Structures are given as structure tokens and as C-alpha cells.
Amino acid sequence: AEFVADSIEPLQACTEGTPNYLLRGRFTLRGITQTIAFPILVASADGQRLTAQGTLDLDRTVFGSHYGSGKFFRFLGKHIVNDVIHLHVKLHADKQP
């Protein structure tokens, strides 16, 4: 899997400790690329290093991952695999001098 960030824009009406930016980019899984956007919280404790984190949910079947999917296979019973994957993204960046 690979995520390439393309842009970031501030969110309006956010409160302390809640996501304050919208991160847009391209997510590639199994050779299939989709454009995605998700809210992130960006903060700096010392003014030199930024930390950003956010959570997103993706449907793995959109990226060709069909194993154990109830959308593609019948009668899986207890062997069914959830189609939605949850990703927690955390980024660190140092301010350039």
C-alpha cells in the first residue's frame, strides 16, 4: 500500500483537539489507485516538529481485494472477512531551517 499526499486545507469551525485539516491524496493498494480525502489533526508541541494523525475507512474490494468478501462469495458463514479496513495514519515533519 502507498499513500501520496497531494494537498492539505484547513477545516472551518474546528475545536481544540479535533481534526483541523483535510488531507487529500492518492492511495494505492494492489496496483489500483484511488483519490481519497480525510480529516486530520495537525499540531506542534515545540514549533519545530509537526505531527498529523487521522483515521480513515476504506472498502478493500474497490482495490481488488476480494478474499472472503460477502459481496463476491456466497455461503462463507464464519469465514467472511470484513470489506472495510480501518487505517490510522500518523505523519511527522521537521521544519526546515
C-alpha atoms as a PDB file:
ATOM      1  CA  ALA A   1       0.000   0.000   0.000  1.00  0.00           C
ATOM      2  CA  GLU A   2       1.111   3.552  -0.660  1.00  0.00           C
ATOM      3  CA  PHE A   3      -0.338   6.975   0.106  1.00  0.00           C
ATOM      4  CA  VAL A   4       0.914  10.108  -1.662  1.00  0.00           C
ATOM      5  CA  ALA A   5      -0.360  13.381  -0.197  1.00  0.00           C
ATOM      6  CA  ASP A   6      -1.351  15.982  -2.792  1.00  0.00           C
ATOM      7  CA  SER A   7      -2.823  18.839  -0.758  1.00  0.00           C
ATOM      8  CA  ILE A   8      -3.957  19.949   2.661  1.00  0.00           C
ATOM      9  CA  GLU A   9      -6.555  22.580   3.506  1.00  0.00           C
ATOM     10  CA  PRO A  10      -7.750  23.988   6.838  1.00  0.00           C
ATOM     11  CA  LEU A  11     -11.159  22.940   8.137  1.00  0.00           C
ATOM     12  CA  GLN A  12     -13.517  25.658   9.320  1.00  0.00           C
ATOM     13  CA  ALA A  13     -15.210  25.622  12.733  1.00  0.00           C
ATOM     14  CA  CYS A  14     -12.910  23.041  14.325  1.00  0.00           C
ATOM     15  CA  THR A  15     -12.291  22.962  18.056  1.00  0.00           C
ATOM     16  CA  GLU A  16      -9.165  22.236  20.104  1.00  0.00           C
ATOM     17  CA  GLY A  17      -8.148  18.583  19.790  1.00  0.00           C
ATOM     18  CA  THR A  18     -10.382  17.786  16.799  1.00  0.00           C
ATOM     19  CA  PRO A  19      -9.329  17.397  13.156  1.00  0.00           C
ATOM     20  CA  ASN A  20      -8.328  20.789  11.801  1.00  0.00           C
ATOM     21  CA  TYR A  21      -7.210  19.978   8.236  1.00  0.00           C
ATOM     22  CA  LEU A  22      -8.436  17.931   5.277  1.00  0.00           C
ATOM     23  CA  LEU A  23      -5.679  15.848   3.672  1.00  0.00           C
ATOM     24  CA  ARG A  24      -6.127  14.834   0.034  1.00  0.00           C
ATOM     25  CA  GLY A  25      -4.030  12.328  -1.841  1.00  0.00           C
ATOM     26  CA  ARG A  26      -3.736   9.135  -3.828  1.00  0.00           C
ATOM     27  CA  PHE A  27      -3.964   5.754  -2.113  1.00  0.00           C
ATOM     28  CA  THR A  28      -2.672   2.700  -3.994  1.00  0.00           C
ATOM     29  CA  LEU A  29      -3.374  -0.884  -2.982  1.00  0.00           C
ATOM     30  CA  ARG A  30      -2.742  -3.948  -5.144  1.00  0.00           C
ATOM     31  CA  GLY A  31      -1.857  -1.678  -8.107  1.00  0.00           C
ATOM     32  CA  ILE A  32      -5.166   0.222  -8.004  1.00  0.00           C
ATOM     33  CA  THR A  33      -5.077   3.940  -7.178  1.00  0.00           C
ATOM     34  CA  GLN A  34      -7.983   5.985  -5.821  1.00  0.00           C
ATOM     35  CA  THR A  35      -8.112   9.629  -4.783  1.00  0.00           C
ATOM     36  CA  ILE A  36      -9.112   9.969  -1.133  1.00  0.00           C
ATOM     37  CA  ALA A  37      -9.571  12.756   1.404  1.00  0.00           C
ATOM     38  CA  PHE A  38      -9.829  12.501   5.174  1.00  0.00           C
ATOM     39  CA  PRO A  39      -9.714  14.849   8.168  1.00  0.00           C
ATOM     40  CA  ILE A  40      -6.529  15.014  10.223  1.00  0.00           C
ATOM     41  CA  LEU A  41      -5.370  16.748  13.371  1.00  0.00           C
ATOM     42  CA  VAL A  42      -2.159  18.750  12.886  1.00  0.00           C
ATOM     43  CA  ALA A  43      -0.276  20.052  15.920  1.00  0.00           C
ATOM     44  CA  SER A  44       3.183  21.098  17.048  1.00  0.00           C
ATOM     45  CA  ALA A  45       4.467  20.889  20.617  1.00  0.00           C
ATOM     46  CA  ASP A  46       7.683  22.834  20.035  1.00  0.00           C
ATOM     47  CA  GLY A  47       7.111  24.854  16.852  1.00  0.00           C
ATOM     48  CA  GLN A  48       9.775  22.812  15.015  1.00  0.00           C
ATOM     49  CA  ARG A  49       8.151  19.412  14.516  1.00  0.00           C
ATOM     50  CA  LEU A  50       4.644  18.860  13.174  1.00  0.00           C
ATOM     51  CA  THR A  51       2.628  15.769  13.912  1.00  0.00           C
ATOM     52  CA  ALA A  52      -0.508  14.917  11.966  1.00  0.00           C
ATOM     53  CA  GLN A  53      -2.836  11.998  12.523  1.00  0.00           C
ATOM     54  CA  GLY A  54      -6.157  10.795  11.234  1.00  0.00           C
ATOM     55  CA  THR A  55      -8.269   7.722  10.703  1.00  0.00           C
ATOM     56  CA  LEU A  56      -9.934   6.580   7.519  1.00  0.00           C
ATOM     57  CA  ASP A  57     -12.084   3.659   6.441  1.00  0.00           C
ATOM     58  CA  LEU A  58     -11.616   2.094   3.007  1.00  0.00           C
ATOM     59  CA  ASP A  59     -13.525  -0.603   1.170  1.00  0.00           C
ATOM     60  CA  ARG A  60     -10.791  -3.104   0.284  1.00  0.00           C
ATOM     61  CA  THR A  61     -12.888  -4.608  -2.538  1.00  0.00           C
ATOM     62  CA  VAL A  62     -12.564  -1.340  -4.502  1.00  0.00           C
ATOM     63  CA  PHE A  63      -8.850  -2.146  -4.675  1.00  0.00           C
ATOM     64  CA  GLY A  64      -9.327  -5.714  -5.930  1.00  0.00           C
ATOM     65  CA  SER A  65      -9.018  -7.472  -2.579  1.00  0.00           C
ATOM     66  CA  HIS A  66     -11.941  -9.907  -2.748  1.00  0.00           C
ATOM     67  CA  TYR A  67     -10.759 -12.718  -0.469  1.00  0.00           C
ATOM     68  CA  GLY A  68     -13.553 -13.722   1.920  1.00  0.00           C
ATOM     69  CA  SER A  69     -15.831 -10.881   0.802  1.00  0.00           C
ATOM     70  CA  GLY A  70     -19.560 -11.420   1.168  1.00  0.00           C
ATOM     71  CA  LYS A  71     -20.024  -9.174  -1.897  1.00  0.00           C
ATOM     72  CA  PHE A  72     -18.294 -11.711  -4.137  1.00  0.00           C
ATOM     73  CA  PHE A  73     -18.727 -15.086  -2.433  1.00  0.00           C
ATOM     74  CA  ARG A  74     -21.827 -16.747  -1.002  1.00  0.00           C
ATOM     75  CA  PHE A  75     -22.093 -19.162   1.885  1.00  0.00           C
ATOM     76  CA  LEU A  76     -18.906 -18.066   3.670  1.00  0.00           C
ATOM     77  CA  GLY A  77     -20.501 -18.364   7.095  1.00  0.00           C
ATOM     78  CA  LYS A  78     -17.971 -17.699   9.832  1.00  0.00           C
ATOM     79  CA  HIS A  79     -15.184 -17.340   7.228  1.00  0.00           C
ATOM     80  CA  ILE A  80     -16.393 -13.981   5.938  1.00  0.00           C
ATOM     81  CA  VAL A  81     -13.841 -11.132   6.034  1.00  0.00           C
ATOM     82  CA  ASN A  82     -14.915  -7.532   6.632  1.00  0.00           C
ATOM     83  CA  ASP A  83     -14.725  -5.447   3.448  1.00  0.00           C
ATOM     84  CA  VAL A  84     -13.957  -2.222   5.332  1.00  0.00           C
ATOM     85  CA  ILE A  85     -10.424  -1.693   6.547  1.00  0.00           C
ATOM     86  CA  HIS A  86      -9.577   0.960   9.143  1.00  0.00           C
ATOM     87  CA  LEU A  87      -6.291   2.825   8.820  1.00  0.00           C
ATOM     88  CA  HIS A  88      -4.722   5.113  11.387  1.00  0.00           C
ATOM     89  CA  VAL A  89      -2.270   7.457   9.681  1.00  0.00           C
ATOM     90  CA  LYS A  90       0.404   9.335  11.628  1.00  0.00           C
ATOM     91  CA  LEU A  91       2.868  11.712   9.959  1.00  0.00           C
ATOM     92  CA  HIS A  92       5.855  13.585  11.373  1.00  0.00           C
ATOM     93  CA  ALA A  93       7.616  16.504   9.685  1.00  0.00           C
ATOM     94  CA  ASP A  94      10.527  18.650  10.816  1.00  0.00           C
ATOM     95  CA  LYS A  95      10.514  22.345   9.988  1.00  0.00           C
ATOM     96  CA  GLN A  96      13.317  23.263   7.574  1.00  0.00           C
ATOM     97  CA  PRO A  97      15.762  25.980   8.757  1.00  0.00           C
END
